[in-house]
Amino acid sequence: MIKRTTILLDDDSRGAARVLASKLAVSPSEVVRRALAHYRSHLLGSPAAARRRRRAVLERLFILFDGNDAEAEIRRLKREDLHW
């Protein structure tokens, strides 16, 4: 759930938020949310729920790719690229 909060930004910070918002095709508010989440993770580490989700995804990838020959796949893709 998103709740309205007012923050005061100096001109440089506001400009940075707008530039990043434009570059990422999101709102300045979303830029601030992402920056806060990134900074929190940087200082405190990822929340336990996020670590569990990442681990579950990684384990699923191991299952999906079990038995695949990566070198053969790379060779196949390179052959396909020759036709473009």
C-alpha atoms as a PDB file:
ATOM      1  CA  MET A   1       0.000   0.000   0.000  1.00  0.00           C
ATOM      2  CA  ILE A   2       1.306   3.416  -0.957  1.00  0.00           C
ATOM      3  CA  LYS A   3       0.673   6.364   1.342  1.00  0.00           C
ATOM      4  CA  ARG A   4       1.293   9.996   0.529  1.00  0.00           C
ATOM      5  CA  THR A   5       4.323  11.517   2.275  1.00  0.00           C
ATOM      6  CA  THR A   6       5.773  14.947   1.730  1.00  0.00           C
ATOM      7  CA  ILE A   7       9.530  15.313   1.559  1.00  0.00           C
ATOM      8  CA  LEU A   8      11.565  18.435   0.938  1.00  0.00           C
ATOM      9  CA  LEU A   9      14.313  18.218  -1.662  1.00  0.00           C
ATOM     10  CA  ASP A  10      16.901  20.796  -2.586  1.00  0.00           C
ATOM     11  CA  ASP A  11      17.137  21.784  -6.244  1.00  0.00           C
ATOM     12  CA  ASP A  12      19.961  19.318  -7.007  1.00  0.00           C
ATOM     13  CA  SER A  13      18.131  16.378  -5.434  1.00  0.00           C
ATOM     14  CA  ARG A  14      14.884  17.257  -7.177  1.00  0.00           C
ATOM     15  CA  GLY A  15      16.705  17.565 -10.500  1.00  0.00           C
ATOM     16  CA  ALA A  16      18.414  14.232  -9.947  1.00  0.00           C
ATOM     17  CA  ALA A  17      15.076  12.571  -9.169  1.00  0.00           C
ATOM     18  CA  ARG A  18      13.554  13.994 -12.345  1.00  0.00           C
ATOM     19  CA  VAL A  19      16.494  12.945 -14.539  1.00  0.00           C
ATOM     20  CA  LEU A  20      16.491   9.427 -13.107  1.00  0.00           C
ATOM     21  CA  ALA A  21      12.715   9.224 -13.450  1.00  0.00           C
ATOM     22  CA  SER A  22      12.971  10.143 -17.102  1.00  0.00           C
ATOM     23  CA  LYS A  23      15.795   7.678 -17.720  1.00  0.00           C
ATOM     24  CA  LEU A  24      13.927   4.837 -15.966  1.00  0.00           C
ATOM     25  CA  ALA A  25      10.476   5.814 -17.320  1.00  0.00           C
ATOM     26  CA  VAL A  26       9.009   5.999 -13.812  1.00  0.00           C
ATOM     27  CA  SER A  27       7.791   8.789 -11.551  1.00  0.00           C
ATOM     28  CA  PRO A  28      10.140  10.767  -9.301  1.00  0.00           C
ATOM     29  CA  SER A  29       8.294   9.161  -6.370  1.00  0.00           C
ATOM     30  CA  GLU A  30       9.223   5.700  -7.691  1.00  0.00           C
ATOM     31  CA  VAL A  31      12.842   6.824  -8.004  1.00  0.00           C
ATOM     32  CA  VAL A  32      12.819   7.843  -4.331  1.00  0.00           C
ATOM     33  CA  ARG A  33      11.174   4.518  -3.313  1.00  0.00           C
ATOM     34  CA  ARG A  34      13.782   2.530  -5.249  1.00  0.00           C
ATOM     35  CA  ALA A  35      16.626   4.608  -3.838  1.00  0.00           C
ATOM     36  CA  LEU A  36      15.406   4.049  -0.281  1.00  0.00           C
ATOM     37  CA  ALA A  37      15.009   0.300  -0.822  1.00  0.00           C
ATOM     38  CA  HIS A  38      18.491   0.096  -2.358  1.00  0.00           C
ATOM     39  CA  TYR A  39      20.080   2.110   0.440  1.00  0.00           C
ATOM     40  CA  ARG A  40      18.311   0.031   3.101  1.00  0.00           C
ATOM     41  CA  SER A  41      19.589  -3.174   1.488  1.00  0.00           C
ATOM     42  CA  HIS A  42      23.072  -1.695   1.183  1.00  0.00           C
ATOM     43  CA  LEU A  43      23.217  -0.776   4.872  1.00  0.00           C
ATOM     44  CA  LEU A  44      21.176  -3.565   6.430  1.00  0.00           C
ATOM     45  CA  GLY A  45      21.295  -6.374   3.886  1.00  0.00           C
ATOM     46  CA  SER A  46      18.333  -7.836   2.083  1.00  0.00           C
ATOM     47  CA  PRO A  47      15.214  -8.575   4.130  1.00  0.00           C
ATOM     48  CA  ALA A  48      14.756 -12.251   5.015  1.00  0.00           C
ATOM     49  CA  ALA A  49      11.677 -12.571   2.787  1.00  0.00           C
ATOM     50  CA  ALA A  50      13.608 -11.242  -0.214  1.00  0.00           C
ATOM     51  CA  ARG A  51      16.468 -13.659   0.459  1.00  0.00           C
ATOM     52  CA  ARG A  52      13.998 -16.569   0.636  1.00  0.00           C
ATOM     53  CA  ARG A  53      12.396 -15.545  -2.675  1.00  0.00           C
ATOM     54  CA  ARG A  54      15.802 -15.236  -4.362  1.00  0.00           C
ATOM     55  CA  ARG A  55      16.868 -18.610  -3.033  1.00  0.00           C
ATOM     56  CA  ALA A  56      13.644 -20.231  -4.259  1.00  0.00           C
ATOM     57  CA  VAL A  57      14.154 -18.742  -7.729  1.00  0.00           C
ATOM     58  CA  LEU A  58      17.755 -19.925  -7.832  1.00  0.00           C
ATOM     59  CA  GLU A  59      16.776 -23.434  -6.739  1.00  0.00           C
ATOM     60  CA  ARG A  60      14.065 -23.490  -9.438  1.00  0.00           C
ATOM     61  CA  LEU A  61      16.641 -22.461 -12.053  1.00  0.00           C
ATOM     62  CA  PHE A  62      18.925 -25.296 -10.943  1.00  0.00           C
ATOM     63  CA  ILE A  63      16.046 -27.728 -11.487  1.00  0.00           C
ATOM     64  CA  LEU A  64      15.104 -26.237 -14.871  1.00  0.00           C
ATOM     65  CA  PHE A  65      18.648 -26.318 -16.201  1.00  0.00           C
ATOM     66  CA  ASP A  66      19.680 -29.653 -14.717  1.00  0.00           C
ATOM     67  CA  GLY A  67      21.167 -31.810 -17.468  1.00  0.00           C
ATOM     68  CA  ASN A  68      21.513 -28.988 -19.984  1.00  0.00           C
ATOM     69  CA  ASP A  69      24.803 -28.778 -21.808  1.00  0.00           C
ATOM     70  CA  ALA A  70      25.726 -25.080 -21.684  1.00  0.00           C
ATOM     71  CA  GLU A  71      28.542 -25.418 -24.224  1.00  0.00           C
ATOM     72  CA  ALA A  72      26.225 -27.130 -26.713  1.00  0.00           C
ATOM     73  CA  GLU A  73      23.651 -24.385 -26.212  1.00  0.00           C
ATOM     74  CA  ILE A  74      26.268 -21.695 -26.863  1.00  0.00           C
ATOM     75  CA  ARG A  75      27.393 -23.487 -30.036  1.00  0.00           C
ATOM     76  CA  ARG A  76      23.776 -23.692 -31.216  1.00  0.00           C
ATOM     77  CA  LEU A  77      23.166 -20.007 -30.578  1.00  0.00           C
ATOM     78  CA  LYS A  78      26.371 -19.023 -32.391  1.00  0.00           C
ATOM     79  CA  ARG A  79      25.280 -21.113 -35.407  1.00  0.00           C
ATOM     80  CA  GLU A  80      21.915 -19.342 -35.393  1.00  0.00           C
ATOM     81  CA  ASP A  81      23.620 -15.950 -35.202  1.00  0.00           C
ATOM     82  CA  LEU A  82      25.551 -16.701 -38.409  1.00  0.00           C
ATOM     83  CA  HIS A  83      22.279 -16.610 -40.326  1.00  0.00           C
ATOM     84  CA  TRP A  84      21.479 -13.056 -39.243  1.00  0.00           C
END
